[in-house]
N, C-alpha and C. Protein backbone atom coordinates (compact mmCIF):
# COMPACT_ATOMS: atom_id res chain seq x y z
N UNK A 1 140.60 84.19 51.75
CA UNK A 1 139.50 83.24 52.33
C UNK A 1 140.05 82.65 53.59
N UNK A 2 141.29 82.15 53.58
CA UNK A 2 141.83 81.47 54.77
C UNK A 2 141.79 82.46 55.98
N UNK A 3 142.18 83.72 55.69
CA UNK A 3 142.11 84.75 56.77
C UNK A 3 140.76 84.84 57.38
N UNK A 4 139.71 84.91 56.53
CA UNK A 4 138.26 84.92 56.97
C UNK A 4 137.93 83.77 57.82
N UNK A 5 138.31 82.54 57.47
CA UNK A 5 137.97 81.41 58.17
C UNK A 5 138.72 81.43 59.48
N UNK A 6 139.95 81.76 59.52
CA UNK A 6 140.76 81.81 60.73
C UNK A 6 140.14 82.90 61.74
N UNK A 7 139.77 84.06 61.23
CA UNK A 7 139.10 85.12 62.03
C UNK A 7 137.78 84.57 62.55
N UNK A 8 136.99 83.92 61.75
CA UNK A 8 135.72 83.35 62.26
C UNK A 8 135.96 82.29 63.27
N UNK A 9 136.97 81.43 63.14
CA UNK A 9 137.24 80.39 64.13
C UNK A 9 137.56 81.04 65.46
N UNK A 10 138.49 82.09 65.44
CA UNK A 10 138.82 82.72 66.62
C UNK A 10 137.66 83.40 67.31
N UNK A 11 136.74 84.03 66.47
CA UNK A 11 135.58 84.73 66.98
C UNK A 11 134.64 83.69 67.69
N UNK A 12 134.48 82.53 67.00
CA UNK A 12 133.58 81.46 67.61
C UNK A 12 134.12 81.01 68.93
N UNK A 13 135.46 80.74 68.95
CA UNK A 13 136.08 80.30 70.15
C UNK A 13 135.93 81.29 71.23
N UNK A 14 136.16 82.52 71.08
CA UNK A 14 135.96 83.61 72.04
C UNK A 14 134.58 83.71 72.59
N UNK A 15 133.59 83.65 71.69
CA UNK A 15 132.16 83.68 72.07
C UNK A 15 131.87 82.44 72.98
N UNK A 16 132.31 81.30 72.61
CA UNK A 16 132.13 80.03 73.31
C UNK A 16 132.65 80.15 74.75
N UNK A 17 133.93 80.65 74.83
CA UNK A 17 134.57 80.83 76.13
C UNK A 17 133.85 81.83 77.00
N UNK A 18 133.29 82.85 76.41
CA UNK A 18 132.53 83.88 77.23
C UNK A 18 131.25 83.22 77.74
N UNK A 19 130.56 82.48 76.96
CA UNK A 19 129.35 81.71 77.40
C UNK A 19 129.64 80.72 78.49
N UNK A 20 130.78 80.06 78.32
CA UNK A 20 131.25 79.04 79.40
C UNK A 20 131.50 79.81 80.62
N UNK A 21 132.18 80.92 80.54
CA UNK A 21 132.55 81.66 81.67
C UNK A 21 131.33 82.24 82.43
N UNK A 22 130.21 82.59 81.74
CA UNK A 22 129.03 82.99 82.36
C UNK A 22 128.38 81.78 83.18
N UNK A 23 128.54 80.59 82.72
CA UNK A 23 128.03 79.45 83.49
C UNK A 23 128.69 79.27 84.79
N UNK A 24 129.89 79.77 85.00
CA UNK A 24 130.59 79.61 86.33
C UNK A 24 130.48 80.77 87.26
N UNK A 25 129.42 81.63 86.93
CA UNK A 25 129.19 82.82 87.75
C UNK A 25 127.68 82.67 88.33
N UNK A 26 127.60 82.85 89.58
CA UNK A 26 126.26 82.66 90.18
C UNK A 26 126.27 83.50 91.54
N UNK A 27 125.06 83.57 92.09
CA UNK A 27 124.92 84.25 93.38
C UNK A 27 124.54 83.34 94.45
N UNK A 28 125.04 83.55 95.64
CA UNK A 28 124.66 82.77 96.90
C UNK A 28 123.91 83.79 97.78
N UNK A 29 122.78 83.37 98.29
CA UNK A 29 122.04 84.30 99.13
C UNK A 29 121.93 83.67 100.57
N UNK A 30 122.08 84.58 101.47
CA UNK A 30 121.97 84.06 102.87
C UNK A 30 121.07 85.17 103.71
N UNK A 31 120.40 84.57 104.64
CA UNK A 31 119.49 85.46 105.47
C UNK A 31 119.71 85.08 106.89
N UNK A 32 119.71 86.09 107.76
CA UNK A 32 119.91 85.98 109.15
C UNK A 32 119.07 87.07 109.83
N UNK A 33 119.05 86.94 111.13
CA UNK A 33 118.32 87.96 111.87
C UNK A 33 119.13 88.49 113.12
N UNK A 34 118.92 89.71 113.43
CA UNK A 34 119.52 90.35 114.63
C UNK A 34 118.44 91.14 115.34
N UNK A 35 118.66 91.44 116.58
CA UNK A 35 117.78 92.20 117.44
C UNK A 35 118.56 93.45 117.94
N UNK A 36 117.99 94.58 117.76
CA UNK A 36 118.45 95.81 118.35
C UNK A 36 117.58 95.98 119.66
N UNK A 37 118.27 95.90 120.80
CA UNK A 37 117.50 96.01 122.03
C UNK A 37 117.04 97.41 122.34
N UNK A 38 115.88 97.49 123.09
CA UNK A 38 115.31 98.73 123.39
C UNK A 38 116.24 99.56 124.29
N UNK A 39 117.12 98.96 125.03
CA UNK A 39 117.99 99.67 125.98
C UNK A 39 119.13 100.31 125.29
N UNK A 40 119.31 100.20 124.00
CA UNK A 40 120.48 100.75 123.32
C UNK A 40 120.65 102.24 123.56
N UNK A 41 121.79 102.66 123.90
CA UNK A 41 121.96 104.19 124.21
C UNK A 41 122.03 104.97 122.98
N UNK A 42 121.93 106.36 123.08
CA UNK A 42 121.95 107.24 122.02
C UNK A 42 123.44 107.64 121.84
N UNK A 43 123.91 107.76 120.54
CA UNK A 43 125.22 108.14 120.17
C UNK A 43 126.40 107.25 120.76
N UNK A 44 126.05 106.00 121.24
CA UNK A 44 126.97 105.13 121.69
C UNK A 44 127.04 103.96 120.71
N UNK A 45 128.25 103.54 120.23
CA UNK A 45 128.29 102.40 119.40
C UNK A 45 127.94 101.06 120.13
N UNK A 46 127.29 100.19 119.56
CA UNK A 46 127.01 98.87 120.14
C UNK A 46 126.99 97.79 119.03
N UNK A 47 127.34 96.57 119.43
CA UNK A 47 127.48 95.52 118.37
C UNK A 47 126.29 94.57 118.51
N UNK A 48 125.97 94.09 117.36
CA UNK A 48 124.96 92.99 117.14
C UNK A 48 125.65 91.94 116.34
N UNK A 49 125.41 90.71 116.80
CA UNK A 49 126.00 89.51 116.01
C UNK A 49 124.91 88.73 115.39
N UNK A 50 125.05 88.29 114.19
CA UNK A 50 124.15 87.44 113.60
C UNK A 50 124.57 85.98 114.11
N UNK A 51 123.53 85.03 114.17
CA UNK A 51 123.98 83.70 114.55
C UNK A 51 124.90 83.16 113.41
N UNK A 52 125.71 82.16 113.74
CA UNK A 52 126.55 81.53 112.66
C UNK A 52 125.68 81.20 111.44
N UNK A 53 126.10 81.54 110.33
CA UNK A 53 125.38 81.20 109.04
C UNK A 53 126.07 80.02 108.38
N UNK A 54 125.35 78.96 108.24
CA UNK A 54 125.97 77.90 107.53
C UNK A 54 125.99 78.21 106.02
N UNK A 55 127.23 77.99 105.41
CA UNK A 55 127.40 78.34 104.08
C UNK A 55 126.92 77.27 103.09
N UNK A 56 126.91 76.02 103.54
CA UNK A 56 126.59 74.89 102.65
C UNK A 56 127.34 75.10 101.34
N UNK A 57 128.52 75.59 101.40
CA UNK A 57 129.25 75.95 100.11
C UNK A 57 129.57 74.76 99.25
N UNK A 58 129.87 73.69 99.86
CA UNK A 58 130.22 72.52 99.06
C UNK A 58 128.95 72.13 98.23
N UNK A 59 127.79 72.04 98.82
CA UNK A 59 126.60 71.67 98.02
C UNK A 59 126.19 72.84 97.07
N UNK A 60 126.37 74.12 97.50
CA UNK A 60 126.09 75.24 96.64
C UNK A 60 126.96 75.19 95.41
N UNK A 61 128.24 74.95 95.60
CA UNK A 61 129.13 74.93 94.46
C UNK A 61 128.79 73.77 93.59
N UNK A 62 128.51 72.54 94.20
CA UNK A 62 128.15 71.39 93.31
C UNK A 62 126.88 71.67 92.48
N UNK A 63 125.90 72.30 93.06
CA UNK A 63 124.73 72.59 92.19
C UNK A 63 125.00 73.53 91.06
N UNK A 64 126.06 74.39 91.33
CA UNK A 64 126.49 75.23 90.22
C UNK A 64 127.68 74.69 89.41
N UNK A 65 127.90 73.40 89.40
CA UNK A 65 128.94 72.66 88.70
C UNK A 65 130.30 73.18 88.93
N UNK A 66 130.66 73.35 90.14
CA UNK A 66 132.08 73.88 90.48
C UNK A 66 132.48 73.28 91.86
N UNK A 67 133.72 73.58 92.22
CA UNK A 67 134.16 73.15 93.59
C UNK A 67 134.88 74.27 94.24
N UNK A 68 135.22 74.10 95.59
CA UNK A 68 135.87 75.16 96.26
C UNK A 68 137.17 75.57 95.70
N UNK A 69 137.96 74.54 95.15
CA UNK A 69 139.26 74.79 94.67
C UNK A 69 139.25 75.54 93.27
N UNK A 70 138.06 75.68 92.72
CA UNK A 70 137.98 76.35 91.43
C UNK A 70 137.38 77.77 91.55
N UNK A 71 137.18 78.20 92.73
CA UNK A 71 136.61 79.54 93.06
C UNK A 71 137.68 80.60 92.83
N UNK A 72 137.39 81.51 91.95
CA UNK A 72 138.43 82.61 91.76
C UNK A 72 138.08 83.79 92.71
N UNK A 73 136.86 84.18 92.95
CA UNK A 73 136.57 85.17 93.92
C UNK A 73 135.04 85.17 94.28
N UNK A 74 134.79 85.71 95.44
CA UNK A 74 133.45 85.83 95.94
C UNK A 74 133.35 87.25 96.51
N UNK A 75 132.36 87.99 96.01
CA UNK A 75 132.16 89.38 96.52
C UNK A 75 130.78 89.62 96.94
N UNK A 76 130.65 90.32 98.09
CA UNK A 76 129.35 90.76 98.52
C UNK A 76 128.80 91.79 97.56
N UNK A 77 127.61 91.54 97.07
CA UNK A 77 126.98 92.51 96.05
C UNK A 77 125.76 93.28 96.61
N UNK A 78 125.25 92.69 97.67
CA UNK A 78 124.01 93.36 98.28
C UNK A 78 123.95 92.96 99.69
N UNK A 79 123.67 94.00 100.60
CA UNK A 79 123.44 93.67 101.96
C UNK A 79 122.21 94.65 102.32
N UNK A 80 121.09 93.94 102.68
CA UNK A 80 119.89 94.71 102.92
C UNK A 80 119.37 94.38 104.24
N UNK A 81 119.05 95.36 105.05
CA UNK A 81 118.33 95.14 106.37
C UNK A 81 116.88 95.54 106.24
N UNK A 82 116.07 94.65 106.85
CA UNK A 82 114.62 94.84 106.83
C UNK A 82 114.04 94.65 108.22
N UNK A 83 113.39 95.71 108.65
CA UNK A 83 112.70 95.63 110.00
C UNK A 83 111.48 94.76 109.92
N UNK A 84 111.45 93.64 110.72
CA UNK A 84 110.30 92.79 110.76
C UNK A 84 109.37 93.02 111.93
N UNK A 85 109.89 93.66 112.92
CA UNK A 85 109.04 94.11 114.13
C UNK A 85 109.82 95.12 114.86
N UNK A 86 109.10 96.15 115.41
CA UNK A 86 107.62 96.36 115.34
C UNK A 86 107.27 96.88 114.01
N UNK A 87 106.01 96.54 113.60
CA UNK A 87 105.43 96.79 112.26
C UNK A 87 105.55 98.30 111.77
N UNK A 88 105.40 99.18 112.75
CA UNK A 88 105.30 100.62 112.40
C UNK A 88 106.69 101.32 112.52
N UNK A 89 107.76 100.62 112.54
CA UNK A 89 109.04 101.25 112.77
C UNK A 89 109.87 101.45 111.43
N UNK A 90 110.80 102.27 111.48
CA UNK A 90 111.76 102.48 110.41
C UNK A 90 113.11 102.65 110.89
N UNK A 91 114.11 102.78 110.02
CA UNK A 91 115.53 102.87 110.38
C UNK A 91 116.01 104.30 110.81
N UNK A 92 115.11 105.24 110.97
CA UNK A 92 115.39 106.64 111.34
C UNK A 92 116.15 106.70 112.72
N UNK A 93 116.01 105.77 113.53
CA UNK A 93 116.77 105.75 114.76
C UNK A 93 118.30 105.46 114.67
N UNK A 94 118.63 104.98 113.40
CA UNK A 94 120.07 104.70 113.15
C UNK A 94 120.86 105.95 112.77
N UNK A 95 121.97 106.16 113.34
CA UNK A 95 122.95 107.15 112.77
C UNK A 95 123.90 106.67 111.76
N UNK A 96 124.46 105.52 112.12
CA UNK A 96 125.49 104.86 111.20
C UNK A 96 125.52 103.40 111.47
N UNK A 97 126.14 102.73 110.55
CA UNK A 97 126.18 101.21 110.59
C UNK A 97 127.50 100.83 109.96
N UNK A 98 128.26 99.89 110.56
CA UNK A 98 129.37 99.24 109.86
C UNK A 98 129.24 97.70 110.05
N UNK A 99 129.41 96.94 108.96
CA UNK A 99 129.26 95.50 109.02
C UNK A 99 130.58 94.78 108.77
N UNK A 100 130.86 93.79 109.58
CA UNK A 100 132.11 93.05 109.50
C UNK A 100 131.73 91.55 109.37
N UNK A 101 132.63 90.83 108.74
CA UNK A 101 132.41 89.35 108.57
C UNK A 101 133.56 88.61 109.22
N UNK A 102 133.31 87.51 109.88
CA UNK A 102 134.29 86.65 110.45
C UNK A 102 134.05 85.23 110.19
N UNK A 103 135.03 84.37 110.24
CA UNK A 103 134.88 82.92 110.16
C UNK A 103 136.04 82.35 110.89
N UNK A 104 135.92 81.03 111.28
CA UNK A 104 136.99 80.34 112.04
C UNK A 104 138.24 80.44 111.26
N UNK A 105 139.26 80.88 112.02
CA UNK A 105 140.67 80.89 111.49
C UNK A 105 140.94 82.12 110.61
N UNK A 106 140.03 83.00 110.41
CA UNK A 106 140.23 84.18 109.63
C UNK A 106 139.98 85.37 110.37
N UNK A 107 140.71 86.49 110.06
CA UNK A 107 140.56 87.79 110.67
C UNK A 107 139.19 88.43 110.37
N UNK A 108 138.64 89.16 111.29
CA UNK A 108 137.42 89.85 110.97
C UNK A 108 137.75 91.06 110.02
N UNK A 109 136.92 91.24 109.00
CA UNK A 109 137.16 92.40 108.13
C UNK A 109 135.88 93.15 107.82
N UNK A 110 136.05 94.36 107.56
CA UNK A 110 134.81 95.24 107.19
C UNK A 110 134.39 94.93 105.77
N UNK A 111 133.01 94.84 105.63
CA UNK A 111 132.52 94.42 104.37
C UNK A 111 131.43 95.37 103.79
N UNK A 112 130.89 96.30 104.72
CA UNK A 112 129.87 97.16 104.33
C UNK A 112 129.68 98.29 105.35
N UNK A 113 129.10 99.32 104.93
CA UNK A 113 128.76 100.38 105.88
C UNK A 113 127.76 101.37 105.40
N UNK A 114 127.15 102.07 106.27
CA UNK A 114 126.35 103.21 105.90
C UNK A 114 126.73 104.28 106.92
N UNK A 115 127.54 105.23 106.42
CA UNK A 115 128.07 106.28 107.23
C UNK A 115 127.02 107.25 107.86
N UNK A 116 126.01 107.55 106.99
CA UNK A 116 124.93 108.41 107.40
C UNK A 116 123.61 107.70 106.91
N UNK A 117 122.79 107.49 107.92
CA UNK A 117 121.50 106.84 107.62
C UNK A 117 120.48 108.03 107.39
N UNK A 118 119.87 108.08 106.33
CA UNK A 118 118.91 109.13 106.05
C UNK A 118 117.77 109.05 107.04
N UNK A 119 117.37 110.24 107.50
CA UNK A 119 116.25 110.37 108.40
C UNK A 119 114.93 109.89 107.92
N UNK A 120 114.81 109.96 106.59
CA UNK A 120 113.48 109.58 106.00
C UNK A 120 113.51 108.17 105.39
N UNK A 121 114.50 107.36 105.78
CA UNK A 121 114.44 105.98 105.34
C UNK A 121 113.38 105.18 105.93
N UNK A 122 112.87 104.17 105.21
CA UNK A 122 111.72 103.39 105.66
C UNK A 122 112.22 102.22 106.49
N UNK A 123 111.53 101.12 106.28
CA UNK A 123 111.76 99.87 107.05
C UNK A 123 112.82 98.98 106.31
N UNK A 124 113.32 99.40 105.19
CA UNK A 124 114.37 98.67 104.33
C UNK A 124 115.59 99.59 104.22
N UNK A 125 116.72 99.02 104.59
CA UNK A 125 117.91 99.84 104.39
C UNK A 125 118.95 99.09 103.56
N UNK A 126 119.39 99.60 102.45
CA UNK A 126 120.41 99.06 101.65
C UNK A 126 121.75 99.62 102.17
N UNK A 127 122.64 98.69 102.48
CA UNK A 127 123.93 99.11 103.05
C UNK A 127 125.01 99.12 101.91
N UNK A 128 125.86 100.06 102.02
CA UNK A 128 126.88 100.23 100.90
C UNK A 128 127.93 99.18 101.05
N UNK A 129 128.14 98.26 100.14
CA UNK A 129 129.13 97.17 100.23
C UNK A 129 130.51 97.61 99.71
N UNK A 130 131.47 96.89 100.22
CA UNK A 130 132.82 97.22 99.90
C UNK A 130 133.28 96.20 98.88
N UNK A 131 134.28 96.48 98.04
CA UNK A 131 134.83 95.66 96.99
C UNK A 131 135.89 94.71 97.57
N UNK A 132 135.50 93.77 98.30
CA UNK A 132 136.46 92.88 98.94
C UNK A 132 136.25 91.40 98.58
N UNK A 133 137.33 90.66 98.33
CA UNK A 133 137.17 89.23 97.95
C UNK A 133 136.97 88.50 99.27
N UNK A 134 135.82 87.76 99.30
CA UNK A 134 135.41 87.10 100.51
C UNK A 134 135.38 85.55 100.26
N UNK A 135 136.17 85.03 99.29
CA UNK A 135 136.03 83.63 98.99
C UNK A 135 136.40 82.72 100.13
N UNK A 136 137.50 83.13 100.89
CA UNK A 136 137.96 82.35 102.05
C UNK A 136 136.87 82.22 103.22
N UNK A 137 136.10 83.28 103.38
CA UNK A 137 135.03 83.25 104.32
C UNK A 137 133.84 82.34 104.00
N UNK A 138 133.43 82.47 102.72
CA UNK A 138 132.29 81.69 102.22
C UNK A 138 132.66 80.25 101.95
N UNK A 139 133.90 79.95 101.79
CA UNK A 139 134.44 78.54 101.57
C UNK A 139 134.32 77.81 102.93
N UNK A 140 134.31 78.60 104.03
CA UNK A 140 134.30 77.90 105.32
C UNK A 140 132.83 77.40 105.53
N UNK A 141 132.71 76.48 106.58
CA UNK A 141 131.39 75.85 106.80
C UNK A 141 130.40 76.85 107.35
N UNK A 142 130.93 77.85 107.97
CA UNK A 142 130.04 78.92 108.51
C UNK A 142 130.73 80.23 108.68
N UNK A 143 129.95 81.32 108.74
CA UNK A 143 130.55 82.60 109.01
C UNK A 143 129.41 83.42 109.85
N UNK A 144 129.89 84.57 110.37
CA UNK A 144 128.94 85.37 110.95
C UNK A 144 129.12 86.82 110.69
N UNK A 145 128.25 87.70 110.88
CA UNK A 145 128.31 89.05 110.66
C UNK A 145 128.19 89.79 111.98
N UNK A 146 128.93 90.96 112.17
CA UNK A 146 128.87 91.75 113.27
C UNK A 146 128.40 93.15 112.73
N UNK A 147 127.31 93.63 113.34
CA UNK A 147 126.85 94.98 113.01
C UNK A 147 127.23 95.98 113.99
N UNK A 148 128.06 96.87 113.79
CA UNK A 148 128.31 97.91 114.67
C UNK A 148 127.54 99.15 114.37
N UNK A 149 126.64 99.50 115.23
CA UNK A 149 125.66 100.48 115.02
C UNK A 149 125.76 101.65 115.98
N UNK A 150 125.31 102.79 115.54
CA UNK A 150 125.21 103.97 116.41
C UNK A 150 123.74 104.48 116.23
N UNK A 151 123.03 104.68 117.34
CA UNK A 151 121.73 105.26 117.16
C UNK A 151 121.69 106.69 117.47
N UNK A 152 120.68 107.48 116.98
CA UNK A 152 120.58 108.90 117.26
C UNK A 152 119.33 109.19 117.97
N UNK A 153 118.60 108.15 118.37
CA UNK A 153 117.38 108.42 119.16
C UNK A 153 117.13 107.16 119.97
N UNK A 154 116.41 107.33 121.09
CA UNK A 154 116.06 106.24 121.98
C UNK A 154 115.05 105.40 121.32
N UNK A 155 115.09 104.03 121.43
CA UNK A 155 114.08 103.17 120.98
C UNK A 155 113.41 102.47 122.15
N UNK A 156 112.07 102.49 122.25
CA UNK A 156 111.45 101.96 123.33
C UNK A 156 111.16 100.42 123.29
N UNK A 157 111.19 99.85 122.12
CA UNK A 157 110.96 98.36 122.00
C UNK A 157 112.14 97.73 121.16
N UNK A 158 112.26 96.42 121.45
CA UNK A 158 113.21 95.66 120.59
C UNK A 158 112.91 95.79 119.16
N UNK A 159 113.92 95.85 118.33
CA UNK A 159 113.62 95.78 116.84
C UNK A 159 114.25 94.63 116.27
N UNK A 160 113.47 93.74 115.62
CA UNK A 160 113.90 92.51 114.99
C UNK A 160 114.15 92.88 113.48
N UNK A 161 115.38 92.50 112.99
CA UNK A 161 115.86 92.93 111.76
C UNK A 161 116.35 91.66 110.92
N UNK A 162 115.83 91.52 109.67
CA UNK A 162 116.43 90.50 108.81
C UNK A 162 117.60 91.09 108.20
N UNK A 163 118.68 90.37 108.00
CA UNK A 163 119.84 90.65 107.31
C UNK A 163 119.90 89.81 106.13
N UNK A 164 119.72 90.38 104.96
CA UNK A 164 119.69 89.64 103.64
C UNK A 164 120.97 89.96 102.90
N UNK A 165 121.82 89.04 102.57
CA UNK A 165 123.03 89.26 101.84
C UNK A 165 123.09 88.38 100.56
N UNK A 166 123.67 88.96 99.60
CA UNK A 166 123.88 88.30 98.27
C UNK A 166 125.40 88.33 97.96
N UNK A 167 125.97 87.22 97.67
CA UNK A 167 127.46 87.06 97.30
C UNK A 167 127.43 86.57 95.91
N UNK A 168 128.29 87.30 95.06
CA UNK A 168 128.57 86.85 93.72
C UNK A 168 129.75 85.98 93.66
N UNK A 169 129.64 84.78 93.03
CA UNK A 169 130.70 83.82 92.95
C UNK A 169 131.19 83.75 91.48
N UNK A 170 132.48 83.70 91.32
CA UNK A 170 133.08 83.56 90.02
C UNK A 170 134.05 82.46 90.15
N UNK A 171 133.78 81.41 89.37
CA UNK A 171 134.69 80.21 89.43
C UNK A 171 135.41 80.07 88.05
N UNK A 172 136.51 79.30 88.09
CA UNK A 172 137.27 79.05 86.89
C UNK A 172 136.42 78.18 85.95
N UNK A 173 136.69 78.39 84.63
CA UNK A 173 136.12 77.50 83.59
C UNK A 173 136.80 76.23 83.48
N UNK A 174 136.05 75.11 83.81
CA UNK A 174 136.46 73.79 83.69
C UNK A 174 137.86 73.57 84.32
N UNK A 175 138.05 74.18 85.42
CA UNK A 175 139.34 74.13 86.19
C UNK A 175 140.55 74.79 85.53
N UNK A 176 140.31 75.64 84.47
CA UNK A 176 141.37 76.35 83.84
C UNK A 176 141.77 77.66 84.54
């Protein structure tokens, strides 16, 4: 009987820790915009930079009952590009795309790419994300993204693109 009670106590403790652990995991979403100019050349790489994105990390962490010093890791889980203008355009003009993140005092690193953009893609492009810990970048007050693109056809008008990113945050349980 004692063994049963001991096993039950251990089981309840483990389940409770798992539930607590889930409370310290959450997503942060950021949205920015870039413009691909109509003068972009074919088969030549060119860079587009997002404006600095305010992380508001202190307040975001507080809302989720944690602090910067308790963050274990932050990973990009989704990076999606959406053409907002012109209305009738799609991403078929892109040959490839590489996305980098940078923040003050930190080296720029590659976080996502699309080595080959499908010719039949529509106006939404999901970029393949890399498994990289980005906590030091998101803990900063702001960061920006650089999109290195190569086009495979001429575009006659500027293309406005929303850059939607989702970061998964995992923090320590009660500071442990």
